[in-house]
Amino acid sequence: YIDKIAFKAYFQSSSDNGYSFDRDNAVGEEIETKMLPGIAIKDY
């Protein structure tokens, strides 16, 4: 069993309606922290 999983989701908008995303000059860059519940591990 995994007790919990946490990570950060960074996201940015596009300056040309989704055609390109400039990581060096991000548009509307935001961050959301995710805390996910535990989950059982299945076998092979």
All heavy atoms as atom14 arrays in JSON, in Angstrom:
{
  "sequence": "YIDKIAFKAYFQSSSDNGYSFDRDNAVGEEIETKMLPGIAIKDY",
  "atom14_mask": [
    [1, 1, 1, 1, 1, 1, 1, 1, 1, 1, 1, 1, 0, 0],
    [1, 1, 1, 1, 1, 1, 1, 1, 0, 0, 0, 0, 0, 0],
    [1, 1, 1, 1, 1, 1, 1, 1, 0, 0, 0, 0, 0, 0],
    [1, 1, 1, 1, 1, 1, 1, 1, 1, 0, 0, 0, 0, 0],
    [1, 1, 1, 1, 1, 1, 1, 1, 0, 0, 0, 0, 0, 0],
    [1, 1, 1, 1, 1, 0, 0, 0, 0, 0, 0, 0, 0, 0],
    [1, 1, 1, 1, 1, 1, 1, 1, 1, 1, 1, 0, 0, 0],
    [1, 1, 1, 1, 1, 1, 1, 1, 1, 0, 0, 0, 0, 0],
    [1, 1, 1, 1, 1, 0, 0, 0, 0, 0, 0, 0, 0, 0],
    [1, 1, 1, 1, 1, 1, 1, 1, 1, 1, 1, 1, 0, 0],
    [1, 1, 1, 1, 1, 1, 1, 1, 1, 1, 1, 0, 0, 0],
    [1, 1, 1, 1, 1, 1, 1, 1, 1, 0, 0, 0, 0, 0],
    [1, 1, 1, 1, 1, 1, 0, 0, 0, 0, 0, 0, 0, 0],
    [1, 1, 1, 1, 1, 1, 0, 0, 0, 0, 0, 0, 0, 0],
    [1, 1, 1, 1, 1, 1, 0, 0, 0, 0, 0, 0, 0, 0],
    [1, 1, 1, 1, 1, 1, 1, 1, 0, 0, 0, 0, 0, 0],
    [1, 1, 1, 1, 1, 1, 1, 1, 0, 0, 0, 0, 0, 0],
    [1, 1, 1, 1, 0, 0, 0, 0, 0, 0, 0, 0, 0, 0],
    [1, 1, 1, 1, 1, 1, 1, 1, 1, 1, 1, 1, 0, 0],
    [1, 1, 1, 1, 1, 1, 0, 0, 0, 0, 0, 0, 0, 0],
    [1, 1, 1, 1, 1, 1, 1, 1, 1, 1, 1, 0, 0, 0],
    [1, 1, 1, 1, 1, 1, 1, 1, 0, 0, 0, 0, 0, 0],
    [1, 1, 1, 1, 1, 1, 1, 1, 1, 1, 1, 0, 0, 0],
    [1, 1, 1, 1, 1, 1, 1, 1, 0, 0, 0, 0, 0, 0],
    [1, 1, 1, 1, 1, 1, 1, 1, 0, 0, 0, 0, 0, 0],
    [1, 1, 1, 1, 1, 0, 0, 0, 0, 0, 0, 0, 0, 0],
    [1, 1, 1, 1, 1, 1, 1, 0, 0, 0, 0, 0, 0, 0],
    [1, 1, 1, 1, 0, 0, 0, 0, 0, 0, 0, 0, 0, 0],
    [1, 1, 1, 1, 1, 1, 1, 1, 1, 0, 0, 0, 0, 0],
    [1, 1, 1, 1, 1, 1, 1, 1, 1, 0, 0, 0, 0, 0],
    [1, 1, 1, 1, 1, 1, 1, 1, 0, 0, 0, 0, 0, 0],
    [1, 1, 1, 1, 1, 1, 1, 1, 1, 0, 0, 0, 0, 0],
    [1, 1, 1, 1, 1, 1, 1, 0, 0, 0, 0, 0, 0, 0],
    [1, 1, 1, 1, 1, 1, 1, 1, 1, 0, 0, 0, 0, 0],
    [1, 1, 1, 1, 1, 1, 1, 1, 0, 0, 0, 0, 0, 0],
    [1, 1, 1, 1, 1, 1, 1, 1, 0, 0, 0, 0, 0, 0],
    [1, 1, 1, 1, 1, 1, 1, 0, 0, 0, 0, 0, 0, 0],
    [1, 1, 1, 1, 0, 0, 0, 0, 0, 0, 0, 0, 0, 0],
    [1, 1, 1, 1, 1, 1, 1, 1, 0, 0, 0, 0, 0, 0],
    [1, 1, 1, 1, 1, 0, 0, 0, 0, 0, 0, 0, 0, 0],
    [1, 1, 1, 1, 1, 1, 1, 1, 0, 0, 0, 0, 0, 0],
    [1, 1, 1, 1, 1, 1, 1, 1, 1, 0, 0, 0, 0, 0],
    [1, 1, 1, 1, 1, 1, 1, 1, 0, 0, 0, 0, 0, 0],
    [1, 1, 1, 1, 1, 1, 1, 1, 1, 1, 1, 1, 0, 0]
  ],
  "atom14_positions": [
    [[0.84, -1.19, 0.0], [0.0, 0.0, 0.0], [0.88, 1.24, 0.0], [1.87, 1.32, 0.73], [-0.91, 0.0, 1.24], [-2.06, 0.99, 1.17], [-3.25, 0.65, 0.54], [-1.94, 2.26, 1.73], [-4.3, 1.55, 0.48], [-2.98, 3.17, 1.67], [-4.17, 2.81, 1.05], [-5.2, 3.7, 0.98], [0.0, 0.0, 0.0], [0.0, 0.0, 0.0]],
    [[0.51, 2.22, -0.84], [1.15, 3.54, -0.84], [0.28, 4.48, -0.02], [-0.91, 4.64, -0.3], [1.33, 4.06, -2.27], [2.29, 3.15, -3.05], [1.87, 5.49, -2.26], [2.48, 3.54, -4.49], [0.0, 0.0, 0.0], [0.0, 0.0, 0.0], [0.0, 0.0, 0.0], [0.0, 0.0, 0.0], [0.0, 0.0, 0.0], [0.0, 0.0, 0.0]],
    [[0.86, 5.11, 1.0], [0.07, 5.93, 1.92], [-0.42, 7.22, 1.27], [-1.57, 7.61, 1.44], [0.9, 6.26, 3.16], [1.28, 5.0, 3.93], [0.46, 4.05, 3.95], [2.39, 4.95, 4.48], [0.0, 0.0, 0.0], [0.0, 0.0, 0.0], [0.0, 0.0, 0.0], [0.0, 0.0, 0.0], [0.0, 0.0, 0.0], [0.0, 0.0, 0.0]],
    [[0.45, 7.89, 0.51], [0.03, 9.14, -0.15], [1.04, 9.51, -1.22], [2.19, 9.05, -1.21], [-0.12, 10.28, 0.86], [1.19, 10.67, 1.55], [0.96, 11.8, 2.53], [2.27, 12.17, 3.25], [2.07, 13.26, 4.22], [0.0, 0.0, 0.0], [0.0, 0.0, 0.0], [0.0, 0.0, 0.0], [0.0, 0.0, 0.0], [0.0, 0.0, 0.0]],
    [[0.61, 10.37, -2.13], [1.46, 10.88, -3.21], [1.23, 12.39, -3.29], [0.09, 12.85, -3.24], [1.15, 10.23, -4.55], [1.49, 8.73, -4.51], [1.91, 10.9, -5.69], [1.13, 7.99, -5.77], [0.0, 0.0, 0.0], [0.0, 0.0, 0.0], [0.0, 0.0, 0.0], [0.0, 0.0, 0.0], [0.0, 0.0, 0.0], [0.0, 0.0, 0.0]],
    [[2.3, 13.14, -3.4], [2.21, 14.59, -3.52], [3.12, 15.06, -4.65], [4.19, 14.5, -4.87], [2.59, 15.27, -2.21], [0.0, 0.0, 0.0], [0.0, 0.0, 0.0], [0.0, 0.0, 0.0], [0.0, 0.0, 0.0], [0.0, 0.0, 0.0], [0.0, 0.0, 0.0], [0.0, 0.0, 0.0], [0.0, 0.0, 0.0], [0.0, 0.0, 0.0]],
    [[2.7, 16.08, -5.37], [3.54, 16.68, -6.41], [3.03, 18.08, -6.73], [1.95, 18.48, -6.27], [3.59, 15.82, -7.68], [2.26, 15.68, -8.39], [1.91, 16.55, -9.4], [1.39, 14.67, -8.05], [0.69, 16.43, -10.05], [0.18, 14.52, -8.7], [-0.17, 15.42, -9.69], [0.0, 0.0, 0.0], [0.0, 0.0, 0.0], [0.0, 0.0, 0.0]],
    [[3.81, 18.8, -7.49], [3.43, 20.14, -7.91], [3.19, 20.16, -9.41], [3.98, 19.61, -10.17], [4.53, 21.15, -7.54], [4.73, 21.31, -6.04], [5.84, 22.29, -5.73], [6.01, 22.43, -4.21], [7.1, 23.38, -3.89], [0.0, 0.0, 0.0], [0.0, 0.0, 0.0], [0.0, 0.0, 0.0], [0.0, 0.0, 0.0], [0.0, 0.0, 0.0]],
    [[2.09, 20.78, -9.81], [1.75, 20.89, -11.23], [1.93, 22.35, -11.66], [1.18, 23.23, -11.23], [0.32, 20.43, -11.47], [0.0, 0.0, 0.0], [0.0, 0.0, 0.0], [0.0, 0.0, 0.0], [0.0, 0.0, 0.0], [0.0, 0.0, 0.0], [0.0, 0.0, 0.0], [0.0, 0.0, 0.0], [0.0, 0.0, 0.0], [0.0, 0.0, 0.0]],
    [[2.96, 22.6, -12.46], [3.16, 23.92, -13.04], [2.44, 23.93, -14.39], [2.54, 22.97, -15.16], [4.64, 24.19, -13.28], [5.47, 24.32, -12.04], [5.84, 23.22, -11.29], [5.9, 25.58, -11.61], [6.61, 23.34, -10.14], [6.68, 25.71, -10.47], [7.03, 24.59, -9.74], [7.79, 24.73, -8.61], [0.0, 0.0, 0.0], [0.0, 0.0, 0.0]],
    [[1.75, 25.01, -14.69], [1.13, 25.09, -16.0], [1.22, 26.51, -16.54], [1.31, 27.48, -15.78], [-0.33, 24.61, -15.95], [-1.2, 25.33, -14.95], [-1.86, 26.5, -15.28], [-1.35, 24.82, -13.68], [-2.66, 27.14, -14.37], [-2.16, 25.46, -12.75], [-2.81, 26.64, -13.1], [0.0, 0.0, 0.0], [0.0, 0.0, 0.0], [0.0, 0.0, 0.0]],
    [[1.21, 26.61, -17.84], [1.31, 27.9, -18.5], [0.38, 27.93, -19.71], [0.09, 26.9, -20.32], [2.76, 28.16, -18.94], [3.26, 27.14, -19.96], [4.7, 27.38, -20.37], [5.57, 26.61, -20.07], [4.93, 28.46, -21.09], [0.0, 0.0, 0.0], [0.0, 0.0, 0.0], [0.0, 0.0, 0.0], [0.0, 0.0, 0.0], [0.0, 0.0, 0.0]],
    [[-0.08, 29.13, -20.03], [-0.92, 29.32, -21.21], [-0.03, 29.56, -22.42], [1.18, 29.72, -22.33], [-1.88, 30.5, -20.99], [-2.7, 30.27, -19.86], [0.0, 0.0, 0.0], [0.0, 0.0, 0.0], [0.0, 0.0, 0.0], [0.0, 0.0, 0.0], [0.0, 0.0, 0.0], [0.0, 0.0, 0.0], [0.0, 0.0, 0.0], [0.0, 0.0, 0.0]],
    [[-0.68, 29.61, -23.57], [0.04, 29.84, -24.82], [-0.23, 31.26, -25.31], [-1.33, 31.79, -25.15], [-0.4, 28.83, -25.88], [0.16, 29.14, -27.13], [0.0, 0.0, 0.0], [0.0, 0.0, 0.0], [0.0, 0.0, 0.0], [0.0, 0.0, 0.0], [0.0, 0.0, 0.0], [0.0, 0.0, 0.0], [0.0, 0.0, 0.0], [0.0, 0.0, 0.0]],
    [[0.79, 31.84, -25.94], [0.63, 33.19, -26.49], [-0.01, 33.17, -27.87], [-0.38, 34.22, -28.41], [2.0, 33.89, -26.58], [2.89, 33.1, -27.38], [0.0, 0.0, 0.0], [0.0, 0.0, 0.0], [0.0, 0.0, 0.0], [0.0, 0.0, 0.0], [0.0, 0.0, 0.0], [0.0, 0.0, 0.0], [0.0, 0.0, 0.0], [0.0, 0.0, 0.0]],
    [[-0.17, 32.0, -28.46], [-0.76, 31.91, -29.81], [-1.82, 30.81, -29.87], [-1.84, 29.99, -30.79], [0.32, 31.68, -30.86], [1.23, 30.52, -30.5], [0.91, 29.8, -29.53], [2.26, 30.33, -31.17], [0.0, 0.0, 0.0], [0.0, 0.0, 0.0], [0.0, 0.0, 0.0], [0.0, 0.0, 0.0], [0.0, 0.0, 0.0], [0.0, 0.0, 0.0]],
    [[-2.66, 30.74, -28.83], [-3.81, 29.83, -28.79], [-3.41, 28.35, -28.84], [-4.06, 27.54, -29.48], [-4.78, 30.13, -29.94], [-6.15, 29.53, -29.71], [-6.57, 29.38, -28.56], [-6.84, 29.18, -30.78], [0.0, 0.0, 0.0], [0.0, 0.0, 0.0], [0.0, 0.0, 0.0], [0.0, 0.0, 0.0], [0.0, 0.0, 0.0], [0.0, 0.0, 0.0]],
    [[-2.35, 28.01, -28.14], [-1.99, 26.6, -28.0], [-0.99, 26.07, -28.99], [-0.62, 24.9, -28.93], [0.0, 0.0, 0.0], [0.0, 0.0, 0.0], [0.0, 0.0, 0.0], [0.0, 0.0, 0.0], [0.0, 0.0, 0.0], [0.0, 0.0, 0.0], [0.0, 0.0, 0.0], [0.0, 0.0, 0.0], [0.0, 0.0, 0.0], [0.0, 0.0, 0.0]],
    [[-0.48, 26.92, -29.9], [0.48, 26.42, -30.89], [1.86, 26.25, -30.28], [2.57, 25.28, -30.57], [0.55, 27.37, -32.08], [1.52, 26.92, -33.15], [1.18, 25.88, -34.02], [2.77, 27.5, -33.28], [2.06, 25.45, -34.99], [3.67, 27.08, -34.25], [3.31, 26.06, -35.11], [4.2, 25.64, -36.06], [0.0, 0.0, 0.0], [0.0, 0.0, 0.0]],
    [[2.27, 27.18, -29.44], [3.6, 27.09, -28.84], [3.56, 27.58, -27.4], [2.7, 28.36, -27.01], [4.61, 27.94, -29.64], [4.21, 29.3, -29.65], [0.0, 0.0, 0.0], [0.0, 0.0, 0.0], [0.0, 0.0, 0.0], [0.0, 0.0, 0.0], [0.0, 0.0, 0.0], [0.0, 0.0, 0.0], [0.0, 0.0, 0.0], [0.0, 0.0, 0.0]],
    [[4.53, 27.06, -26.61], [4.66, 27.44, -25.21], [6.13, 27.77, -24.96], [6.99, 26.91, -25.09], [4.22, 26.3, -24.29], [2.76, 25.96, -24.4], [2.32, 25.07, -25.36], [1.84, 26.54, -23.54], [0.98, 24.75, -25.46], [0.5, 26.23, -23.64], [0.06, 25.33, -24.59], [0.0, 0.0, 0.0], [0.0, 0.0, 0.0], [0.0, 0.0, 0.0]],
    [[6.41, 29.01, -24.61], [7.77, 29.46, -24.37], [8.11, 29.26, -22.9], [7.6, 29.97, -22.04], [7.91, 30.93, -24.75], [9.37, 31.39, -24.74], [10.22, 30.63, -24.22], [9.66, 32.48, -25.25], [0.0, 0.0, 0.0], [0.0, 0.0, 0.0], [0.0, 0.0, 0.0], [0.0, 0.0, 0.0], [0.0, 0.0, 0.0], [0.0, 0.0, 0.0]],
    [[8.95, 28.27, -22.6], [9.27, 27.99, -21.2], [10.11, 29.09, -20.58], [10.05, 29.32, -19.38], [10.01, 26.65, -21.1], [9.11, 25.46, -21.44], [9.89, 24.16, -21.38], [9.05, 23.03, -21.72], [9.5, 21.8, -21.93], [10.79, 21.55, -21.81], [8.66, 20.83, -22.24], [0.0, 0.0, 0.0], [0.0, 0.0, 0.0], [0.0, 0.0, 0.0]],
    [[10.94, 29.77, -21.38], [11.77, 30.83, -20.83], [10.97, 32.09, -20.54], [11.33, 32.87, -19.66], [12.91, 31.15, -21.8], [13.87, 29.97, -21.96], [14.04, 29.24, -20.96], [14.42, 29.8, -23.06], [0.0, 0.0, 0.0], [0.0, 0.0, 0.0], [0.0, 0.0, 0.0], [0.0, 0.0, 0.0], [0.0, 0.0, 0.0], [0.0, 0.0, 0.0]],
    [[9.93, 32.34, -21.31], [9.06, 33.5, -21.1], [7.62, 33.01, -20.99], [6.79, 33.24, -21.87], [9.21, 34.49, -22.26], [10.63, 35.02, -22.39], [11.1, 35.76, -21.55], [11.31, 34.61, -23.46], [0.0, 0.0, 0.0], [0.0, 0.0, 0.0], [0.0, 0.0, 0.0], [0.0, 0.0, 0.0], [0.0, 0.0, 0.0], [0.0, 0.0, 0.0]],
    [[7.35, 32.31, -19.9], [6.06, 31.66, -19.73], [4.93, 32.68, -19.63], [5.09, 33.76, -19.04], [6.07, 30.79, -18.48], [0.0, 0.0, 0.0], [0.0, 0.0, 0.0], [0.0, 0.0, 0.0], [0.0, 0.0, 0.0], [0.0, 0.0, 0.0], [0.0, 0.0, 0.0], [0.0, 0.0, 0.0], [0.0, 0.0, 0.0], [0.0, 0.0, 0.0]],
    [[3.79, 32.32, -20.21], [2.6, 33.16, -20.18], [1.65, 32.62, -19.13], [1.24, 31.46, -19.2], [1.9, 33.19, -21.57], [0.63, 34.01, -21.5], [2.85, 33.73, -22.63], [0.0, 0.0, 0.0], [0.0, 0.0, 0.0], [0.0, 0.0, 0.0], [0.0, 0.0, 0.0], [0.0, 0.0, 0.0], [0.0, 0.0, 0.0], [0.0, 0.0, 0.0]],
    [[1.29, 33.46, -18.15], [0.32, 33.05, -17.13], [0.75, 31.81, -16.37], [-0.07, 30.93, -16.11], [0.0, 0.0, 0.0], [0.0, 0.0, 0.0], [0.0, 0.0, 0.0], [0.0, 0.0, 0.0], [0.0, 0.0, 0.0], [0.0, 0.0, 0.0], [0.0, 0.0, 0.0], [0.0, 0.0, 0.0], [0.0, 0.0, 0.0], [0.0, 0.0, 0.0]],
    [[2.04, 31.74, -16.01], [2.52, 30.55, -15.3], [1.97, 30.51, -13.88], [2.03, 31.49, -13.15], [4.04, 30.54, -15.27], [4.62, 29.26, -14.68], [6.13, 29.22, -14.77], [6.74, 30.3, -14.78], [6.69, 28.12, -14.83], [0.0, 0.0, 0.0], [0.0, 0.0, 0.0], [0.0, 0.0, 0.0], [0.0, 0.0, 0.0], [0.0, 0.0, 0.0]],
    [[1.43, 29.36, -13.48], [0.88, 29.17, -12.14], [1.32, 27.79, -11.63], [1.87, 26.99, -12.37], [-0.65, 29.26, -12.16], [-1.17, 30.61, -12.63], [-2.69, 30.68, -12.61], [-3.28, 30.31, -11.57], [-3.28, 31.1, -13.61], [0.0, 0.0, 0.0], [0.0, 0.0, 0.0], [0.0, 0.0, 0.0], [0.0, 0.0, 0.0], [0.0, 0.0, 0.0]],
    [[1.05, 27.56, -10.37], [1.42, 26.28, -9.76], [0.3, 25.82, -8.85], [-0.34, 26.62, -8.17], [2.74, 26.4, -8.97], [3.11, 25.06, -8.34], [2.65, 27.46, -7.9], [4.46, 25.07, -7.66], [0.0, 0.0, 0.0], [0.0, 0.0, 0.0], [0.0, 0.0, 0.0], [0.0, 0.0, 0.0], [0.0, 0.0, 0.0], [0.0, 0.0, 0.0]],
    [[0.03, 24.51, -8.87], [-0.95, 23.91, -7.98], [-0.29, 22.71, -7.29], [0.33, 21.89, -7.95], [-2.19, 23.45, -8.74], [-3.0, 24.58, -9.34], [-4.2, 24.09, -10.12], [-4.41, 22.86, -10.19], [-4.92, 24.93, -10.67], [0.0, 0.0, 0.0], [0.0, 0.0, 0.0], [0.0, 0.0, 0.0], [0.0, 0.0, 0.0], [0.0, 0.0, 0.0]],
    [[-0.42, 22.63, -5.98], [0.12, 21.5, -5.23], [-0.95, 20.43, -5.09], [-2.08, 20.72, -4.7], [0.57, 21.96, -3.83], [1.59, 22.95, -3.97], [1.12, 20.78, -3.03], [0.0, 0.0, 0.0], [0.0, 0.0, 0.0], [0.0, 0.0, 0.0], [0.0, 0.0, 0.0], [0.0, 0.0, 0.0], [0.0, 0.0, 0.0], [0.0, 0.0, 0.0]],
    [[-0.6, 19.21, -5.43], [-1.56, 18.1, -5.4], [-1.2, 17.13, -4.28], [-0.06, 16.68, -4.17], [-1.54, 17.34, -6.74], [-1.78, 18.22, -7.97], [-3.16, 18.82, -7.96], [-3.38, 19.68, -9.19], [-4.71, 20.33, -9.17], [0.0, 0.0, 0.0], [0.0, 0.0, 0.0], [0.0, 0.0, 0.0], [0.0, 0.0, 0.0], [0.0, 0.0, 0.0]],
    [[-2.17, 16.79, -3.48], [-2.03, 15.78, -2.43], [-3.04, 14.67, -2.73], [-4.25, 14.87, -2.61], [-2.31, 16.38, -1.05], [-1.31, 17.46, -0.64], [0.35, 16.79, -0.3], [0.01, 15.84, 1.17], [0.0, 0.0, 0.0], [0.0, 0.0, 0.0], [0.0, 0.0, 0.0], [0.0, 0.0, 0.0], [0.0, 0.0, 0.0], [0.0, 0.0, 0.0]],
    [[-2.55, 13.51, -3.16], [-3.42, 12.42, -3.57], [-3.49, 11.35, -2.49], [-2.51, 11.11, -1.79], [-2.91, 11.82, -4.88], [-2.75, 12.81, -6.05], [-2.23, 12.1, -7.27], [-4.06, 13.51, -6.35], [0.0, 0.0, 0.0], [0.0, 0.0, 0.0], [0.0, 0.0, 0.0], [0.0, 0.0, 0.0], [0.0, 0.0, 0.0], [0.0, 0.0, 0.0]],
    [[-4.64, 10.69, -2.33], [-4.81, 9.71, -1.26], [-4.04, 8.43, -1.52], [-3.46, 8.22, -2.59], [-6.32, 9.45, -1.28], [-6.72, 9.71, -2.7], [-5.85, 10.84, -3.16], [0.0, 0.0, 0.0], [0.0, 0.0, 0.0], [0.0, 0.0, 0.0], [0.0, 0.0, 0.0], [0.0, 0.0, 0.0], [0.0, 0.0, 0.0], [0.0, 0.0, 0.0]],
    [[-4.04, 7.53, -0.53], [-3.34, 6.26, -0.65], [-4.01, 5.32, -1.64], [-5.17, 5.52, -2.03], [0.0, 0.0, 0.0], [0.0, 0.0, 0.0], [0.0, 0.0, 0.0], [0.0, 0.0, 0.0], [0.0, 0.0, 0.0], [0.0, 0.0, 0.0], [0.0, 0.0, 0.0], [0.0, 0.0, 0.0], [0.0, 0.0, 0.0], [0.0, 0.0, 0.0]],
    [[-3.27, 4.28, -2.03], [-3.79, 3.33, -3.01], [-3.09, 1.98, -2.82], [-1.89, 1.93, -2.51], [-3.59, 3.86, -4.45], [-4.31, 2.98, -5.46], [-2.11, 4.01, -4.79], [-4.34, 3.58, -6.86], [0.0, 0.0, 0.0], [0.0, 0.0, 0.0], [0.0, 0.0, 0.0], [0.0, 0.0, 0.0], [0.0, 0.0, 0.0], [0.0, 0.0, 0.0]],
    [[-3.85, 0.89, -2.99], [-3.29, -0.46, -2.85], [-2.5, -0.84, -4.1], [-2.81, -0.4, -5.21], [-4.41, -1.46, -2.61], [0.0, 0.0, 0.0], [0.0, 0.0, 0.0], [0.0, 0.0, 0.0], [0.0, 0.0, 0.0], [0.0, 0.0, 0.0], [0.0, 0.0, 0.0], [0.0, 0.0, 0.0], [0.0, 0.0, 0.0], [0.0, 0.0, 0.0]],
    [[-1.47, -1.69, -3.92], [-0.6, -2.12, -5.02], [-1.05, -3.49, -5.52], [-1.12, -4.45, -4.73], [0.87, -2.17, -4.57], [1.32, -0.8, -4.06], [1.76, -2.65, -5.71], [2.69, -0.8, -3.43], [0.0, 0.0, 0.0], [0.0, 0.0, 0.0], [0.0, 0.0, 0.0], [0.0, 0.0, 0.0], [0.0, 0.0, 0.0], [0.0, 0.0, 0.0]],
    [[-1.32, -3.6, -6.8], [-1.71, -4.88, -7.39], [-0.47, -5.68, -7.76], [0.58, -5.12, -8.08], [-2.55, -4.65, -8.65], [-3.85, -3.92, -8.4], [-4.58, -3.71, -9.72], [-5.87, -2.92, -9.51], [-6.55, -2.66, -10.81], [0.0, 0.0, 0.0], [0.0, 0.0, 0.0], [0.0, 0.0, 0.0], [0.0, 0.0, 0.0], [0.0, 0.0, 0.0]],
    [[-0.61, -7.02, -7.75], [0.51, -7.89, -8.08], [0.6, -8.08, -9.6], [-0.23, -7.59, -10.36], [0.35, -9.23, -7.38], [1.68, -9.89, -7.08], [2.71, -9.42, -7.64], [1.72, -10.87, -6.31], [0.0, 0.0, 0.0], [0.0, 0.0, 0.0], [0.0, 0.0, 0.0], [0.0, 0.0, 0.0], [0.0, 0.0, 0.0], [0.0, 0.0, 0.0]],
    [[1.62, -8.84, -10.04], [1.83, -9.1, -11.46], [0.64, -9.85, -12.07], [-0.07, -10.59, -11.38], [3.1, -9.92, -11.68], [4.34, -9.3, -11.1], [5.06, -9.94, -10.09], [4.82, -8.08, -11.56], [6.21, -9.38, -9.55], [5.96, -7.51, -11.03], [6.66, -8.17, -10.03], [7.78, -7.61, -9.5], [0.0, 0.0, 0.0], [0.0, 0.0, 0.0]]
  ]
}
